[in-house]
């Protein structure tokens, strides 16, 4: 298995204008904490036009879950 990266230093800075997206953040949390899915690494694809906020969503999810369950670290 590849090493687990525990830093978001390579991401663009967090946007001060980030709001909402609770539905997507909840889907991410449910997906990564679900025990009904396969064991091992999980992949969740965020897709959309450039500038739509994909990186900011991923960054927010990481920030909210860095100290959460071991399955998210």
PDB file of N, CA and C in Angstrom:
ATOM      1  N   UNK A   1       0.833  -1.192   0.000  1.00  0.00           N
ATOM      2  CA  UNK A   1       0.000   0.000   0.000  1.00  0.00           C
ATOM      3  C   UNK A   1       0.872   1.249   0.000  1.00  0.00           C
ATOM      4  N   UNK A   2       0.461   2.291  -0.726  1.00  0.00           N
ATOM      5  CA  UNK A   2       1.226   3.539  -0.709  1.00  0.00           C
ATOM      6  C   UNK A   2       1.147   4.191   0.666  1.00  0.00           C
ATOM      7  N   UNK A   3       2.142   5.003   1.003  1.00  0.00           N
ATOM      8  CA  UNK A   3       2.125   5.666   2.313  1.00  0.00           C
ATOM      9  C   UNK A   3       0.957   6.638   2.432  1.00  0.00           C
ATOM     10  N   UNK A   4       0.485   6.815   3.648  1.00  0.00           N
ATOM     11  CA  UNK A   4      -0.615   7.741   3.912  1.00  0.00           C
ATOM     12  C   UNK A   4      -0.047   9.141   4.065  1.00  0.00           C
ATOM     13  N   UNK A   5      -0.582  10.084   3.322  1.00  0.00           N
ATOM     14  CA  UNK A   5      -0.149  11.477   3.408  1.00  0.00           C
ATOM     15  C   UNK A   5      -1.039  12.179   4.419  1.00  0.00           C
ATOM     16  N   UNK A   6      -0.431  12.817   5.405  1.00  0.00           N
ATOM     17  CA  UNK A   6      -1.212  13.466   6.462  1.00  0.00           C
ATOM     18  C   UNK A   6      -1.010  14.970   6.478  1.00  0.00           C
ATOM     19  N   UNK A   7      -0.784  15.539   5.347  1.00  0.00           N
ATOM     20  CA  UNK A   7      -0.557  16.973   5.276  1.00  0.00           C
ATOM     21  C   UNK A   7      -1.294  17.538   4.072  1.00  0.00           C
ATOM     22  N   UNK A   8      -1.776  18.755   4.232  1.00  0.00           N
ATOM     23  CA  UNK A   8      -2.417  19.416   3.093  1.00  0.00           C
ATOM     24  C   UNK A   8      -1.607  20.647   2.688  1.00  0.00           C
ATOM     25  N   UNK A   9      -0.312  20.585   2.934  1.00  0.00           N
ATOM     26  CA  UNK A   9       0.556  21.724   2.636  1.00  0.00           C
ATOM     27  C   UNK A   9       0.632  22.025   1.145  1.00  0.00           C
ATOM     28  N   UNK A  10       0.415  21.036   0.295  1.00  0.00           N
ATOM     29  CA  UNK A  10       0.540  21.250  -1.139  1.00  0.00           C
ATOM     30  C   UNK A  10      -0.744  21.780  -1.775  1.00  0.00           C
ATOM     31  N   UNK A  11      -1.793  21.910  -1.004  1.00  0.00           N
ATOM     32  CA  UNK A  11      -3.059  22.443  -1.519  1.00  0.00           C
ATOM     33  C   UNK A  11      -3.013  23.962  -1.568  1.00  0.00           C
ATOM     34  N   UNK A  12      -3.797  24.551  -2.446  1.00  0.00           N
ATOM     35  CA  UNK A  12      -3.937  26.007  -2.417  1.00  0.00           C
ATOM     36  C   UNK A  12      -4.497  26.432  -1.060  1.00  0.00           C
ATOM     37  N   UNK A  13      -4.284  27.677  -0.672  1.00  0.00           N
ATOM     38  CA  UNK A  13      -4.803  28.134   0.626  1.00  0.00           C
ATOM     39  C   UNK A  13      -6.326  28.033   0.686  1.00  0.00           C
ATOM     40  N   UNK A  14      -6.831  27.887   1.903  1.00  0.00           N
ATOM     41  CA  UNK A  14      -8.279  27.806   2.100  1.00  0.00           C
ATOM     42  C   UNK A  14      -8.928  29.116   1.678  1.00  0.00           C
ATOM     43  N   UNK A  15     -10.062  29.004   1.036  1.00  0.00           N
ATOM     44  CA  UNK A  15     -10.810  30.180   0.611  1.00  0.00           C
ATOM     45  C   UNK A  15     -11.592  30.751   1.788  1.00  0.00           C
ATOM     46  N   UNK A  16     -11.515  32.048   1.962  1.00  0.00           N
ATOM     47  CA  UNK A  16     -12.292  32.699   3.020  1.00  0.00           C
ATOM     48  C   UNK A  16     -13.762  32.817   2.616  1.00  0.00           C
ATOM     49  N   UNK A  17     -14.046  32.581   1.334  1.00  0.00           N
ATOM     50  CA  UNK A  17     -15.416  32.690   0.831  1.00  0.00           C
ATOM     51  C   UNK A  17     -16.132  31.338   0.792  1.00  0.00           C
ATOM     52  N   UNK A  18     -15.505  30.278   1.310  1.00  0.00           N
ATOM     53  CA  UNK A  18     -16.119  28.948   1.264  1.00  0.00           C
ATOM     54  C   UNK A  18     -17.329  28.894   2.181  1.00  0.00           C
ATOM     55  N   UNK A  19     -18.474  28.542   1.623  1.00  0.00           N
ATOM     56  CA  UNK A  19     -19.694  28.373   2.418  1.00  0.00           C
ATOM     57  C   UNK A  19     -20.497  27.223   1.835  1.00  0.00           C
ATOM     58  N   UNK A  20     -21.410  26.726   2.618  1.00  0.00           N
ATOM     59  CA  UNK A  20     -22.307  25.692   2.133  1.00  0.00           C
ATOM     60  C   UNK A  20     -21.609  24.385   1.857  1.00  0.00           C
ATOM     61  N   UNK A  21     -22.059  23.712   0.821  1.00  0.00           N
ATOM     62  CA  UNK A  21     -21.528  22.425   0.390  1.00  0.00           C
ATOM     63  C   UNK A  21     -21.693  21.340   1.447  1.00  0.00           C
ATOM     64  N   UNK A  22     -22.595  21.580   2.407  1.00  0.00           N
ATOM     65  CA  UNK A  22     -22.798  20.612   3.488  1.00  0.00           C
ATOM     66  C   UNK A  22     -23.264  19.271   2.946  1.00  0.00           C
ATOM     67  N   UNK A  23     -24.044  19.289   1.864  1.00  0.00           N
ATOM     68  CA  UNK A  23     -24.523  18.033   1.286  1.00  0.00           C
ATOM     69  C   UNK A  23     -23.374  17.182   0.762  1.00  0.00           C
ATOM     70  N   UNK A  24     -22.432  17.818   0.089  1.00  0.00           N
ATOM     71  CA  UNK A  24     -21.284  17.081  -0.448  1.00  0.00           C
ATOM     72  C   UNK A  24     -20.370  16.625   0.690  1.00  0.00           C
ATOM     73  N   UNK A  25     -20.139  17.490   1.670  1.00  0.00           N
ATOM     74  CA  UNK A  25     -19.299  17.123   2.810  1.00  0.00           C
ATOM     75  C   UNK A  25     -19.911  15.950   3.576  1.00  0.00           C
ATOM     76  N   UNK A  26     -21.230  15.926   3.699  1.00  0.00           N
ATOM     77  CA  UNK A  26     -21.904  14.819   4.377  1.00  0.00           C
ATOM     78  C   UNK A  26     -21.760  13.524   3.578  1.00  0.00           C
ATOM     79  N   UNK A  27     -21.885  13.605   2.253  1.00  0.00           N
ATOM     80  CA  UNK A  27     -21.704  12.419   1.411  1.00  0.00           C
ATOM     81  C   UNK A  27     -20.288  11.870   1.547  1.00  0.00           C
ATOM     82  N   UNK A  28     -19.303  12.762   1.583  1.00  0.00           N
ATOM     83  CA  UNK A  28     -17.914  12.333   1.768  1.00  0.00           C
ATOM     84  C   UNK A  28     -17.744  11.614   3.105  1.00  0.00           C
ATOM     85  N   UNK A  29     -18.272  12.202   4.157  1.00  0.00           N
ATOM     86  CA  UNK A  29     -18.143  11.601   5.485  1.00  0.00           C
ATOM     87  C   UNK A  29     -18.830  10.235   5.539  1.00  0.00           C
ATOM     88  N   UNK A  30     -20.038  10.151   5.002  1.00  0.00           N
ATOM     89  CA  UNK A  30     -20.763   8.878   4.997  1.00  0.00           C
ATOM     90  C   UNK A  30     -19.998   7.813   4.215  1.00  0.00           C
ATOM     91  N   UNK A  31     -19.448   8.212   3.083  1.00  0.00           N
ATOM     92  CA  UNK A  31     -18.718   7.263   2.240  1.00  0.00           C
ATOM     93  C   UNK A  31     -17.475   6.734   2.947  1.00  0.00           C
ATOM     94  N   UNK A  32     -16.697   7.634   3.515  1.00  0.00           N
ATOM     95  CA  UNK A  32     -15.429   7.214   4.112  1.00  0.00           C
ATOM     96  C   UNK A  32     -15.579   6.557   5.479  1.00  0.00           C
ATOM     97  N   UNK A  33     -16.716   6.723   6.139  1.00  0.00           N
ATOM     98  CA  UNK A  33     -16.909   6.082   7.440  1.00  0.00           C
ATOM     99  C   UNK A  33     -17.795   4.844   7.360  1.00  0.00           C
ATOM    100  N   UNK A  34     -18.392   4.590   6.210  1.00  0.00           N
ATOM    101  CA  UNK A  34     -19.280   3.438   6.051  1.00  0.00           C
ATOM    102  C   UNK A  34     -18.502   2.136   6.185  1.00  0.00           C
ATOM    103  N   UNK A  35     -19.042   1.232   6.979  1.00  0.00           N
ATOM    104  CA  UNK A  35     -18.416  -0.083   7.123  1.00  0.00           C
ATOM    105  C   UNK A  35     -19.012  -1.084   6.145  1.00  0.00           C
ATOM    106  N   UNK A  36     -20.049  -0.691   5.437  1.00  0.00           N
ATOM    107  CA  UNK A  36     -20.683  -1.610   4.489  1.00  0.00           C
ATOM    108  C   UNK A  36     -19.931  -1.683   3.162  1.00  0.00           C
ATOM    109  N   UNK A  37     -19.017  -0.755   2.956  1.00  0.00           N
ATOM    110  CA  UNK A  37     -18.250  -0.760   1.713  1.00  0.00           C
ATOM    111  C   UNK A  37     -16.994  -1.599   1.876  1.00  0.00           C
ATOM    112  N   UNK A  38     -16.310  -1.836   0.789  1.00  0.00           N
ATOM    113  CA  UNK A  38     -15.122  -2.681   0.811  1.00  0.00           C
ATOM    114  C   UNK A  38     -14.059  -2.164   1.777  1.00  0.00           C
ATOM    115  N   UNK A  39     -13.294  -3.103   2.286  1.00  0.00           N
ATOM    116  CA  UNK A  39     -12.195  -2.770   3.196  1.00  0.00           C
ATOM    117  C   UNK A  39     -10.999  -2.349   2.357  1.00  0.00           C
ATOM    118  N   UNK A  40     -10.218  -1.421   2.852  1.00  0.00           N
ATOM    119  CA  UNK A  40      -9.039  -0.943   2.143  1.00  0.00           C
ATOM    120  C   UNK A  40      -9.208   0.513   1.764  1.00  0.00           C
ATOM    121  N   UNK A  41      -8.391   0.943   0.841  1.00  0.00           N
ATOM    122  CA  UNK A  41      -8.459   2.333   0.417  1.00  0.00           C
ATOM    123  C   UNK A  41      -9.761   2.592  -0.331  1.00  0.00           C
ATOM    124  N   UNK A  42     -10.288   3.775  -0.129  1.00  0.00           N
ATOM    125  CA  UNK A  42     -11.506   4.183  -0.819  1.00  0.00           C
ATOM    126  C   UNK A  42     -11.195   5.415  -1.653  1.00  0.00           C
ATOM    127  N   UNK A  43     -11.860   5.536  -2.774  1.00  0.00           N
ATOM    128  CA  UNK A  43     -11.666   6.670  -3.672  1.00  0.00           C
ATOM    129  C   UNK A  43     -13.014   7.339  -3.894  1.00  0.00           C
ATOM    130  N   UNK A  44     -13.042   8.651  -3.782  1.00  0.00           N
ATOM    131  CA  UNK A  44     -14.245   9.439  -4.028  1.00  0.00           C
ATOM    132  C   UNK A  44     -13.846  10.503  -5.038  1.00  0.00           C
ATOM    133  N   UNK A  45     -14.520  10.562  -6.156  1.00  0.00           N
ATOM    134  CA  UNK A  45     -14.155  11.497  -7.219  1.00  0.00           C
ATOM    135  C   UNK A  45     -15.019  12.745  -7.139  1.00  0.00           C
ATOM    136  N   UNK A  46     -14.357  13.892  -7.024  1.00  0.00           N
ATOM    137  CA  UNK A  46     -15.028  15.189  -7.130  1.00  0.00           C
ATOM    138  C   UNK A  46     -14.743  15.690  -8.541  1.00  0.00           C
ATOM    139  N   UNK A  47     -15.776  15.969  -9.295  1.00  0.00           N
ATOM    140  CA  UNK A  47     -15.559  16.428 -10.657  1.00  0.00           C
ATOM    141  C   UNK A  47     -16.416  17.652 -10.938  1.00  0.00           C
ATOM    142  N   UNK A  48     -15.961  18.438 -11.880  1.00  0.00           N
ATOM    143  CA  UNK A  48     -16.681  19.637 -12.277  1.00  0.00           C
ATOM    144  C   UNK A  48     -15.756  20.573 -13.021  1.00  0.00           C
ATOM    145  N   UNK A  49     -16.296  21.677 -13.434  1.00  0.00           N
ATOM    146  CA  UNK A  49     -15.518  22.671 -14.158  1.00  0.00           C
ATOM    147  C   UNK A  49     -14.438  23.262 -13.265  1.00  0.00           C
ATOM    148  N   UNK A  50     -13.389  23.747 -13.890  1.00  0.00           N
ATOM    149  CA  UNK A  50     -12.343  24.434 -13.148  1.00  0.00           C
ATOM    150  C   UNK A  50     -12.922  25.630 -12.414  1.00  0.00           C
ATOM    151  N   UNK A  51     -12.531  25.796 -11.166  1.00  0.00           N
ATOM    152  CA  UNK A  51     -13.013  26.921 -10.375  1.00  0.00           C
ATOM    153  C   UNK A  51     -14.337  26.665  -9.672  1.00  0.00           C
ATOM    154  N   UNK A  52     -14.860  25.442  -9.789  1.00  0.00           N
ATOM    155  CA  UNK A  52     -16.155  25.123  -9.176  1.00  0.00           C
ATOM    156  C   UNK A  52     -16.054  24.875  -7.672  1.00  0.00           C
ATOM    157  N   UNK A  53     -14.826  24.659  -7.167  1.00  0.00           N
ATOM    158  CA  UNK A  53     -14.642  24.478  -5.732  1.00  0.00           C
ATOM    159  C   UNK A  53     -14.278  23.069  -5.291  1.00  0.00           C
ATOM    160  N   UNK A  54     -13.840  22.228  -6.226  1.00  0.00           N
ATOM    161  CA  UNK A  54     -13.495  20.843  -5.887  1.00  0.00           C
ATOM    162  C   UNK A  54     -12.374  20.777  -4.852  1.00  0.00           C
ATOM    163  N   UNK A  55     -11.327  21.528  -5.057  1.00  0.00           N
ATOM    164  CA  UNK A  55     -10.196  21.519  -4.124  1.00  0.00           C
ATOM    165  C   UNK A  55     -10.612  22.058  -2.773  1.00  0.00           C
ATOM    166  N   UNK A  56     -11.423  23.099  -2.754  1.00  0.00           N
ATOM    167  CA  UNK A  56     -11.863  23.678  -1.481  1.00  0.00           C
ATOM    168  C   UNK A  56     -12.755  22.702  -0.710  1.00  0.00           C
ATOM    169  N   UNK A  57     -13.578  21.940  -1.420  1.00  0.00           N
ATOM    170  CA  UNK A  57     -14.405  20.922  -0.763  1.00  0.00           C
ATOM    171  C   UNK A  57     -13.506  19.863  -0.135  1.00  0.00           C
ATOM    172  N   UNK A  58     -12.541  19.369  -0.904  1.00  0.00           N
ATOM    173  CA  UNK A  58     -11.626  18.349  -0.381  1.00  0.00           C
ATOM    174  C   UNK A  58     -10.851  18.886   0.810  1.00  0.00           C
ATOM    175  N   UNK A  59     -10.378  20.110   0.701  1.00  0.00           N
ATOM    176  CA  UNK A  59      -9.613  20.727   1.791  1.00  0.00           C
ATOM    177  C   UNK A  59     -10.473  20.858   3.051  1.00  0.00           C
ATOM    178  N   UNK A  60     -11.697  21.317   2.902  1.00  0.00           N
ATOM    179  CA  UNK A  60     -12.601  21.475   4.043  1.00  0.00           C
ATOM    180  C   UNK A  60     -12.873  20.121   4.700  1.00  0.00           C
ATOM    181  N   UNK A  61     -13.091  19.095   3.883  1.00  0.00           N
ATOM    182  CA  UNK A  61     -13.330  17.760   4.415  1.00  0.00           C
ATOM    183  C   UNK A  61     -12.125  17.276   5.221  1.00  0.00           C
ATOM    184  N   UNK A  62     -10.936  17.471   4.692  1.00  0.00           N
ATOM    185  CA  UNK A  62      -9.716  17.066   5.403  1.00  0.00           C
ATOM    186  C   UNK A  62      -9.597  17.825   6.717  1.00  0.00           C
ATOM    187  N   UNK A  63      -9.806  19.129   6.680  1.00  0.00           N
ATOM    188  CA  UNK A  63      -9.699  19.945   7.897  1.00  0.00           C
ATOM    189  C   UNK A  63     -10.694  19.484   8.959  1.00  0.00           C
ATOM    190  N   UNK A  64     -11.911  19.149   8.543  1.00  0.00           N
ATOM    191  CA  UNK A  64     -12.947  18.740   9.494  1.00  0.00           C
ATOM    192  C   UNK A  64     -12.698  17.354  10.072  1.00  0.00           C
ATOM    193  N   UNK A  65     -11.921  16.539   9.377  1.00  0.00           N
ATOM    194  CA  UNK A  65     -11.778  15.146   9.785  1.00  0.00           C
ATOM    195  C   UNK A  65     -10.360  14.724  10.146  1.00  0.00           C
ATOM    196  N   UNK A  66      -9.425  15.665  10.245  1.00  0.00           N
ATOM    197  CA  UNK A  66      -8.045  15.306  10.571  1.00  0.00           C
ATOM    198  C   UNK A  66      -7.930  14.591  11.906  1.00  0.00           C
ATOM    199  N   UNK A  67      -8.735  14.955  12.867  1.00  0.00           N
ATOM    200  CA  UNK A  67      -8.643  14.310  14.176  1.00  0.00           C
ATOM    201  C   UNK A  67      -9.833  13.390  14.420  1.00  0.00           C
ATOM    202  N   UNK A  68     -10.513  13.022  13.351  1.00  0.00           N
ATOM    203  CA  UNK A  68     -11.689  12.162  13.463  1.00  0.00           C
ATOM    204  C   UNK A  68     -11.328  10.697  13.554  1.00  0.00           C
ATOM    205  N   UNK A  69     -12.264   9.836  13.174  1.00  0.00           N
ATOM    206  CA  UNK A  69     -12.032   8.393  13.249  1.00  0.00           C
ATOM    207  C   UNK A  69     -10.791   7.967  12.472  1.00  0.00           C
ATOM    208  N   UNK A  70     -10.165   6.903  12.920  1.00  0.00           N
ATOM    209  CA  UNK A  70      -8.951   6.408  12.263  1.00  0.00           C
ATOM    210  C   UNK A  70      -9.199   6.089  10.795  1.00  0.00           C
ATOM    211  N   UNK A  71     -10.424   5.722  10.447  1.00  0.00           N
ATOM    212  CA  UNK A  71     -10.730   5.396   9.053  1.00  0.00           C
ATOM    213  C   UNK A  71     -10.599   6.601   8.133  1.00  0.00           C
ATOM    214  N   UNK A  72     -10.582   7.793   8.698  1.00  0.00           N
ATOM    215  CA  UNK A  72     -10.451   9.006   7.884  1.00  0.00           C
ATOM    216  C   UNK A  72      -9.042   9.577   7.921  1.00  0.00           C
ATOM    217  N   UNK A  73      -8.145   8.946   8.639  1.00  0.00           N
ATOM    218  CA  UNK A  73      -6.775   9.461   8.714  1.00  0.00           C
ATOM    219  C   UNK A  73      -5.842   8.620   7.906  1.00  0.00           C
TER     220      UNK A  73
END
